[in-house]
N, C-alpha and C. Protein backbone atom coordinates (compact mmCIF):
# COMPACT_ATOMS: atom_id res chain seq x y z
N MET A 1 105.51 105.28 91.05
CA MET A 1 106.60 105.97 92.66
C MET A 1 106.75 105.74 93.94
N VAL A 2 105.21 106.50 94.15
CA VAL A 2 105.02 107.14 95.81
C VAL A 2 104.33 105.43 95.87
N GLU A 3 104.23 104.34 95.34
CA GLU A 3 103.18 103.62 96.05
C GLU A 3 103.93 102.60 96.25
N ASP A 4 105.51 102.50 95.03
CA ASP A 4 106.90 101.35 95.27
C ASP A 4 107.30 102.44 96.94
N SER A 5 107.25 102.45 96.97
CA SER A 5 108.35 103.84 98.16
C SER A 5 107.56 102.69 99.74
N LEU A 6 106.32 103.45 99.26
CA LEU A 6 105.45 103.10 99.90
C LEU A 6 104.92 101.50 101.29
N ARG A 7 104.93 100.47 99.53
CA ARG A 7 104.87 99.42 99.38
C ARG A 7 106.43 98.95 99.99
N GLN A 8 107.65 99.11 99.96
CA GLN A 8 108.58 99.07 100.05
C GLN A 8 109.20 99.46 101.50
N ALA A 9 108.13 100.79 101.90
CA ALA A 9 108.29 101.12 103.49
C ALA A 9 107.99 100.15 104.54
N THR A 10 106.28 99.66 103.80
CA THR A 10 105.92 98.79 104.56
C THR A 10 106.92 97.17 105.02
N GLU A 11 106.75 97.20 104.10
CA GLU A 11 107.60 95.73 104.59
C GLU A 11 108.75 95.70 105.26
N LEU A 12 109.75 97.24 104.88
CA LEU A 12 110.67 97.79 106.09
C LEU A 12 109.75 97.72 106.90
N PHE A 13 108.93 98.07 107.52
CA PHE A 13 107.87 98.68 108.67
C PHE A 13 107.83 97.11 109.49
N THR A 14 107.29 96.63 108.48
CA THR A 14 106.58 95.69 109.26
C THR A 14 107.91 94.39 109.22
N TRP A 15 109.69 94.03 108.86
CA TRP A 15 110.12 93.11 109.65
C TRP A 15 110.82 93.71 110.86
N ALA A 16 110.44 95.20 110.83
CA ALA A 16 111.61 96.27 112.40
C ALA A 16 110.43 96.28 113.10
N PHE A 17 108.79 95.96 112.78
CA PHE A 17 108.03 95.86 113.74
C PHE A 17 107.61 94.51 114.88
N ALA A 18 108.24 93.53 113.63
CA ALA A 18 108.12 92.01 113.83
C ALA A 18 108.89 92.11 115.22
N GLY A 19 110.14 92.18 114.60
CA GLY A 19 111.38 92.25 115.48
C GLY A 19 111.66 92.88 116.52
N ILE A 20 111.06 94.26 116.97
CA ILE A 20 110.54 94.60 117.86
C ILE A 20 109.70 93.88 118.60
N CYS A 21 108.96 93.64 118.58
CA CYS A 21 107.95 92.65 119.40
C CYS A 21 108.14 91.14 119.14
N SER A 22 109.70 90.96 118.80
CA SER A 22 109.90 88.92 119.48
C SER A 22 110.76 89.66 120.39
N ALA A 23 111.00 90.52 120.05
CA ALA A 23 111.51 90.63 122.40
C ALA A 23 110.84 90.67 123.49
N LEU A 24 108.98 90.76 123.23
CA LEU A 24 108.12 90.63 123.96
C LEU A 24 108.21 89.01 123.72
N ALA A 25 108.83 88.64 123.55
CA ALA A 25 108.81 87.02 123.43
C ALA A 25 110.17 86.30 124.24
N VAL A 26 111.27 87.43 125.31
CA VAL A 26 112.03 86.78 125.47
C VAL A 26 111.45 86.73 127.32
N PRO A 27 111.34 85.76 128.18
CA PRO A 27 110.64 85.73 129.36
C PRO A 27 112.35 86.15 130.22
N GLY A 28 111.83 86.50 131.33
CA GLY A 28 112.74 87.40 133.16
C GLY A 28 113.26 88.78 132.30
N LEU A 29 112.47 89.40 131.50
CA LEU A 29 113.18 90.49 131.48
C LEU A 29 111.98 90.90 132.49
N SER A 30 112.78 92.35 132.39
CA SER A 30 111.69 93.52 134.45
C SER A 30 110.35 93.70 133.15
N ALA A 31 109.96 94.50 134.14
CA ALA A 31 108.56 95.41 133.74
C ALA A 31 108.80 96.54 133.08
N ALA A 32 109.90 97.23 132.80
CA ALA A 32 110.68 98.56 132.43
C ALA A 32 110.85 98.38 131.52
N VAL A 33 111.14 97.03 130.72
CA VAL A 33 112.36 95.98 129.44
C VAL A 33 111.22 95.90 128.66
N TYR A 34 109.80 95.30 129.05
CA TYR A 34 108.60 94.94 128.05
C TYR A 34 107.40 96.41 128.17
N VAL A 35 107.94 97.22 129.12
CA VAL A 35 107.26 98.87 128.13
C VAL A 35 107.78 99.66 127.16
N GLN A 36 108.83 99.17 127.33
CA GLN A 36 110.13 100.57 126.54
C GLN A 36 110.04 99.36 124.80
N THR A 37 109.69 98.91 125.26
CA THR A 37 109.05 97.57 123.68
C THR A 37 107.49 98.04 123.12
N ILE A 38 107.13 97.45 123.56
CA ILE A 38 105.60 98.18 123.74
C ILE A 38 106.37 99.21 123.27
N VAL A 39 106.42 100.33 123.90
CA VAL A 39 106.04 101.89 123.46
C VAL A 39 107.91 101.69 121.93
N GLY A 40 108.43 101.95 121.78
CA GLY A 40 109.34 101.74 121.04
C GLY A 40 108.27 101.46 119.71
N ALA A 41 107.50 99.75 120.04
CA ALA A 41 107.48 99.56 118.80
C ALA A 41 106.06 100.49 118.66
N LEU A 42 105.49 100.79 119.39
CA LEU A 42 103.93 101.75 118.88
C LEU A 42 104.64 102.71 118.25
N CYS A 43 106.13 103.01 118.12
CA CYS A 43 106.05 104.65 117.95
C CYS A 43 107.15 104.00 116.68
N LEU A 44 107.10 103.27 116.64
CA LEU A 44 107.53 102.96 114.78
C LEU A 44 106.29 102.67 113.43
N TRP A 45 105.39 102.42 114.48
CA TRP A 45 104.46 102.26 114.24
C TRP A 45 103.11 103.66 114.22
N SER A 46 103.38 104.61 114.26
CA SER A 46 102.64 105.14 114.42
C SER A 46 103.89 106.85 113.09
N VAL A 47 104.75 106.46 113.32
CA VAL A 47 105.54 107.05 112.09
C VAL A 47 104.84 106.41 110.96
N TRP A 48 105.13 104.96 110.87
CA TRP A 48 104.09 104.69 109.41
C TRP A 48 102.70 104.39 109.74
N PHE A 49 101.89 105.25 110.08
CA PHE A 49 100.52 105.16 109.61
C PHE A 49 101.14 106.38 109.40
N ALA A 50 101.80 106.96 110.41
CA ALA A 50 100.52 108.68 109.60
C ALA A 50 101.88 109.14 108.66
N SER A 51 102.58 108.17 108.53
CA SER A 51 103.16 108.04 106.65
C SER A 51 102.60 108.16 105.53
N VAL A 52 101.42 106.58 106.44
CA VAL A 52 100.62 106.54 105.33
C VAL A 52 99.23 107.30 105.42
N VAL A 53 98.78 108.30 106.23
CA VAL A 53 97.56 109.08 106.44
C VAL A 53 97.74 110.18 105.32
N SER A 54 99.51 110.82 105.49
CA SER A 54 99.18 111.88 105.12
C SER A 54 99.66 111.40 103.41
N VAL A 55 99.67 110.48 103.29
CA VAL A 55 99.90 110.54 101.46
C VAL A 55 98.06 109.96 100.97
N CYS A 56 97.93 109.98 101.32
CA CYS A 56 96.20 109.69 101.76
C CYS A 56 95.61 110.80 101.40
N GLN A 57 95.66 111.52 102.47
CA GLN A 57 95.19 113.19 102.76
C GLN A 57 95.47 114.09 101.00
N LEU A 58 96.80 113.76 100.31
CA LEU A 58 97.42 114.44 99.95
C LEU A 58 96.66 114.00 98.54
N GLY A 59 96.25 112.13 98.60
CA GLY A 59 95.43 112.79 97.53
C GLY A 59 96.75 111.73 96.79
N ILE A 60 97.82 111.26 96.88
CA ILE A 60 99.19 110.81 96.21
C ILE A 60 98.11 109.40 96.19
N VAL A 61 98.09 109.10 96.13
CA VAL A 61 97.51 107.24 96.44
C VAL A 61 96.00 106.58 96.54
N THR A 62 95.74 106.26 96.04
CA THR A 62 94.23 105.17 95.61
C THR A 62 93.85 104.98 97.06
N VAL A 63 92.06 104.79 97.63
CA VAL A 63 92.20 104.20 98.11
C VAL A 63 91.76 102.28 98.32
N ASP A 64 91.64 101.85 97.11
CA ASP A 64 91.84 100.92 96.52
C ASP A 64 93.80 100.34 96.79
N PHE A 65 94.90 101.43 96.38
CA PHE A 65 95.26 100.47 97.08
C PHE A 65 96.28 100.62 98.38
N LEU A 66 95.55 101.80 98.82
CA LEU A 66 95.53 101.34 100.56
C LEU A 66 94.58 100.51 101.19
N CYS A 67 94.13 99.88 100.27
CA CYS A 67 93.29 98.66 100.74
C CYS A 67 94.04 97.76 100.58
N GLY A 68 94.50 97.38 99.42
CA GLY A 68 95.81 96.60 99.03
C GLY A 68 97.62 96.76 100.26
N LEU A 69 97.73 97.37 99.88
CA LEU A 69 99.04 98.19 101.39
C LEU A 69 98.09 97.25 102.87
N VAL A 70 97.38 97.75 102.74
CA VAL A 70 96.99 96.82 104.12
C VAL A 70 96.56 95.45 104.28
N GLY A 71 95.99 94.68 103.37
CA GLY A 71 96.09 93.53 103.09
C GLY A 71 97.90 92.92 103.11
N MET A 72 98.89 93.56 102.81
CA MET A 72 99.66 93.07 102.35
C MET A 72 100.82 92.95 103.98
N TRP A 73 100.23 94.17 104.48
CA TRP A 73 101.23 94.38 105.96
C TRP A 73 100.84 93.22 106.93
N LEU A 74 99.20 93.10 106.58
CA LEU A 74 98.49 91.81 107.52
C LEU A 74 98.76 90.67 106.94
N HIS A 75 98.70 90.65 106.00
CA HIS A 75 99.51 89.20 105.06
C HIS A 75 100.68 88.20 105.86
N SER A 76 101.71 89.47 105.80
CA SER A 76 103.31 90.00 105.76
C SER A 76 103.42 89.93 107.82
N LEU A 77 103.07 90.28 108.29
CA LEU A 77 103.10 90.70 109.60
C LEU A 77 102.11 88.96 110.36
N PHE A 78 101.38 88.59 110.18
CA PHE A 78 100.71 87.57 110.73
C PHE A 78 102.02 87.02 110.07
N GLY A 79 102.41 86.52 109.14
CA GLY A 79 103.48 85.64 108.64
C GLY A 79 104.89 85.67 109.26
N LYS A 80 104.90 86.38 109.34
CA LYS A 80 106.65 86.80 110.28
C LYS A 80 106.38 86.70 111.83
N ALA A 81 105.24 86.66 112.83
CA ALA A 81 105.07 86.25 113.28
C ALA A 81 104.69 84.81 114.41
N MET A 82 104.21 84.17 112.38
CA MET A 82 104.53 82.26 113.38
C MET A 82 105.78 81.89 112.96
N ILE A 83 106.35 82.85 112.27
CA ILE A 83 108.18 81.99 111.77
C ILE A 83 108.97 82.53 113.44
N ALA A 84 108.24 83.25 113.39
CA ALA A 84 108.89 83.73 114.69
C ALA A 84 108.51 82.96 116.04
N LEU A 85 107.49 82.33 116.39
CA LEU A 85 106.53 81.43 116.37
C LEU A 85 107.03 79.60 116.69
N ALA A 86 107.48 79.37 115.41
CA ALA A 86 108.47 78.76 115.53
C ALA A 86 109.62 78.72 115.26
N GLY A 87 110.34 79.82 115.14
CA GLY A 87 111.68 79.50 115.67
C GLY A 87 111.26 79.23 116.94
N THR A 88 111.06 79.59 117.62
CA THR A 88 111.26 79.96 119.29
C THR A 88 110.57 78.55 120.07
N ILE A 89 110.30 77.70 118.87
CA ILE A 89 109.79 76.22 119.04
C ILE A 89 110.68 75.21 118.98
N TRP A 90 111.55 76.06 117.92
CA TRP A 90 113.06 75.07 117.35
C TRP A 90 114.07 75.79 117.89
N LEU A 91 114.16 76.57 118.55
CA LEU A 91 115.67 77.16 119.07
C LEU A 91 115.23 76.98 120.60
N SER A 92 114.53 76.61 121.02
CA SER A 92 114.67 75.93 122.27
C SER A 92 114.48 73.65 122.39
N TYR A 93 114.39 73.81 120.75
CA TYR A 93 114.13 72.98 121.05
C TYR A 93 116.22 72.25 120.95
N LEU A 94 116.40 72.39 120.36
CA LEU A 94 117.75 72.57 120.05
C LEU A 94 118.39 72.65 121.36
N LEU A 95 117.86 74.13 122.53
CA LEU A 95 119.28 73.95 123.42
C LEU A 95 118.38 72.83 123.96
N MET A 96 117.62 73.08 124.18
CA MET A 96 117.15 71.23 125.64
C MET A 96 118.72 70.29 124.97
N LYS A 97 117.78 69.74 123.42
CA LYS A 97 118.92 68.91 122.78
C LYS A 97 120.76 68.68 122.90
N TYR A 98 120.81 69.72 123.04
CA TYR A 98 122.38 70.07 122.80
C TYR A 98 122.93 70.35 124.92
N LYS A 99 121.74 70.40 125.57
CA LYS A 99 121.88 70.56 126.99
C LYS A 99 123.05 72.28 127.30
N VAL A 100 122.40 72.77 126.14
CA VAL A 100 122.97 74.30 126.58
C VAL A 100 122.22 74.96 128.29
N LEU A 101 120.65 74.36 127.90
CA LEU A 101 120.22 74.84 129.54
C LEU A 101 120.07 73.72 130.49
N SER A 102 120.11 73.94 131.26
CA SER A 102 119.87 72.59 132.65
C SER A 102 118.80 71.62 132.09
N GLU A 103 118.63 70.37 133.29
CA GLU A 103 117.08 69.65 132.52
C GLU A 103 116.39 70.98 133.37
N THR A 104 116.70 70.89 134.58
CA THR A 104 115.38 71.66 135.17
C THR A 104 114.88 73.56 135.16
N MET A 105 116.18 73.99 134.83
CA MET A 105 115.69 74.92 133.52
C MET A 105 115.21 75.01 132.32
N GLY A 106 115.35 74.76 131.62
CA GLY A 106 115.27 73.86 130.89
C GLY A 106 113.81 73.71 130.43
N TRP A 107 113.12 73.63 130.94
CA TRP A 107 111.48 72.94 130.68
C TRP A 107 110.88 74.09 130.97
N LYS A 108 110.89 74.88 131.89
CA LYS A 108 110.88 76.14 132.52
C LYS A 108 110.70 77.57 131.79
N TRP A 109 111.47 76.93 130.99
CA TRP A 109 112.07 78.31 129.66
C TRP A 109 112.23 78.13 128.69
N VAL A 110 111.63 77.14 128.97
CA VAL A 110 110.44 77.28 127.14
C VAL A 110 109.40 77.40 127.14
N ALA A 111 108.49 76.64 128.74
CA ALA A 111 107.47 76.81 128.68
C ALA A 111 107.45 79.24 128.59
N ALA A 112 108.11 79.38 129.63
CA ALA A 112 107.44 80.86 129.48
C ALA A 112 108.10 81.19 128.24
N ARG A 113 109.18 80.61 127.79
CA ARG A 113 109.66 81.37 126.23
C ARG A 113 108.18 81.25 125.22
N LEU A 114 107.61 80.49 124.89
CA LEU A 114 106.30 79.95 124.59
C LEU A 114 104.89 80.78 124.80
N VAL A 115 105.13 80.97 125.71
CA VAL A 115 103.74 81.26 126.66
C VAL A 115 104.39 83.58 126.58
N TRP A 116 105.22 83.41 126.43
CA TRP A 116 105.28 84.97 126.26
C TRP A 116 105.13 85.02 124.55
N SER A 117 105.71 84.01 124.05
CA SER A 117 105.64 84.24 121.73
C SER A 117 104.76 84.73 121.98
N ILE A 118 103.41 83.73 122.46
CA ILE A 118 101.14 83.51 122.61
C ILE A 118 101.11 85.25 123.22
N VAL A 119 102.39 86.43 123.97
CA VAL A 119 101.77 87.18 124.69
C VAL A 119 101.92 88.56 122.79
N SER A 120 103.02 88.12 122.57
CA SER A 120 103.71 89.03 121.69
C SER A 120 103.00 89.11 120.58
N ILE A 121 102.49 88.11 119.64
CA ILE A 121 101.70 87.74 118.49
C ILE A 121 100.21 88.35 119.01
N ALA A 122 99.65 87.64 119.49
CA ALA A 122 98.86 88.55 120.44
C ALA A 122 99.16 90.23 121.35
N PHE A 123 99.74 90.83 120.75
CA PHE A 123 99.95 91.88 120.82
C PHE A 123 100.16 92.94 119.76
N GLN A 124 101.34 91.89 118.71
CA GLN A 124 100.96 92.75 116.99
C GLN A 124 98.93 92.14 116.75
N PHE A 125 98.89 90.99 117.42
CA PHE A 125 97.30 90.78 116.64
C PHE A 125 96.20 92.39 117.49
N LEU A 126 96.55 92.82 118.50
CA LEU A 126 96.02 94.04 118.75
C LEU A 126 96.16 95.07 117.85
N VAL A 127 97.30 95.59 118.03
CA VAL A 127 97.88 96.40 116.97
C VAL A 127 97.28 96.42 115.84
N ALA A 128 97.51 95.22 114.56
CA ALA A 128 96.70 95.14 113.76
C ALA A 128 95.14 95.17 113.35
N VAL A 129 94.65 94.85 114.30
CA VAL A 129 93.12 95.24 114.84
C VAL A 129 92.85 96.70 114.75
N ALA A 130 93.73 97.15 115.24
CA ALA A 130 93.58 98.65 115.45
C ALA A 130 93.80 99.86 114.33
N THR A 131 94.96 99.31 113.94
CA THR A 131 95.44 99.23 111.93
C THR A 131 93.97 99.33 110.87
N LEU A 132 93.47 98.58 111.03
CA LEU A 132 91.60 97.52 110.46
C LEU A 132 91.25 98.80 110.95
N HIS A 133 90.85 98.45 112.21
CA HIS A 133 89.88 100.34 112.66
C HIS A 133 90.00 101.77 111.77
N LEU A 134 91.63 102.56 111.66
CA LEU A 134 91.72 103.43 111.39
C LEU A 134 91.86 103.30 110.41
N PHE A 135 92.39 101.90 109.29
CA PHE A 135 91.93 102.13 108.10
C PHE A 135 90.70 101.89 107.37
N ALA A 136 90.26 102.15 108.20
CA ALA A 136 88.69 101.99 107.56
C ALA A 136 87.88 103.31 107.69
N ASN A 137 88.85 104.13 108.54
CA ASN A 137 87.45 105.69 109.12
C ASN A 137 88.38 106.16 107.93
N LEU A 138 89.11 105.62 108.04
CA LEU A 138 90.62 106.65 107.04
C LEU A 138 89.88 106.22 105.29
N VAL A 139 89.31 105.86 105.19
CA VAL A 139 88.78 104.88 103.76
C VAL A 139 87.44 105.76 103.67
N GLU A 140 86.93 106.26 104.53
CA GLU A 140 85.59 106.07 104.27
C GLU A 140 85.83 107.90 104.63
N THR A 141 86.54 107.82 105.17
CA THR A 141 86.73 109.60 105.24
C THR A 141 87.05 110.66 104.20
N SER A 142 87.95 109.57 103.14
CA SER A 142 88.35 109.50 101.76
C SER A 142 87.69 109.60 100.65
N MET A 143 86.84 108.27 100.80
CA MET A 143 85.37 108.65 100.73
C MET A 143 84.41 109.51 100.51
N GLN A 144 84.53 110.37 101.58
CA GLN A 144 83.40 111.11 101.92
C GLN A 144 83.89 112.46 100.32
N ALA A 145 85.03 112.69 100.90
CA ALA A 145 85.91 113.72 101.05
C ALA A 145 85.85 114.16 99.02
N HIS A 146 86.24 112.54 98.56
CA HIS A 146 85.54 112.66 96.75
C HIS A 146 84.61 112.61 96.59
N LEU A 147 83.43 112.53 97.49
CA LEU A 147 82.08 112.70 97.44
C LEU A 147 81.67 113.69 97.09
N MET A 148 82.14 114.72 97.89
CA MET A 148 82.01 116.04 98.30
C MET A 148 82.45 116.58 97.51
N GLU A 149 84.28 116.30 96.74
CA GLU A 149 84.05 116.76 95.64
C GLU A 149 83.53 117.47 94.33
N ALA A 150 82.62 115.99 93.72
CA ALA A 150 82.28 115.92 92.76
C ALA A 150 80.58 115.72 92.48
């Protein structure tokens, strides 16, 4: 029961996190907006990670489940990031095709959007690497606690 709830919460978190990070792909926003977006994404991540840590420390879920959960999260996150990048390229193409953007601004905007999309994916990658590091520490701590009990 707890494992299903944690899987669902992780999926919901992943959609929200990827959505917040996709806001980083919008060119021309102020630095404050980018900082607020990053802080919002990290706050959401910290709530999710704290809940995962608490159920692990309470012994409610197994280490194997946590490893599977992290794998699911990474696959899901990078899949959504690639969908967002493809969507950005497709949207830019449609905006240019139907002349929603002027010819001169259009290509600059498309290039900036592509660069910021890559920045967004890089940010998600850094968060994923940090998460893997923290999960490795969590698994190691859990294993040590388990060995001390035995």
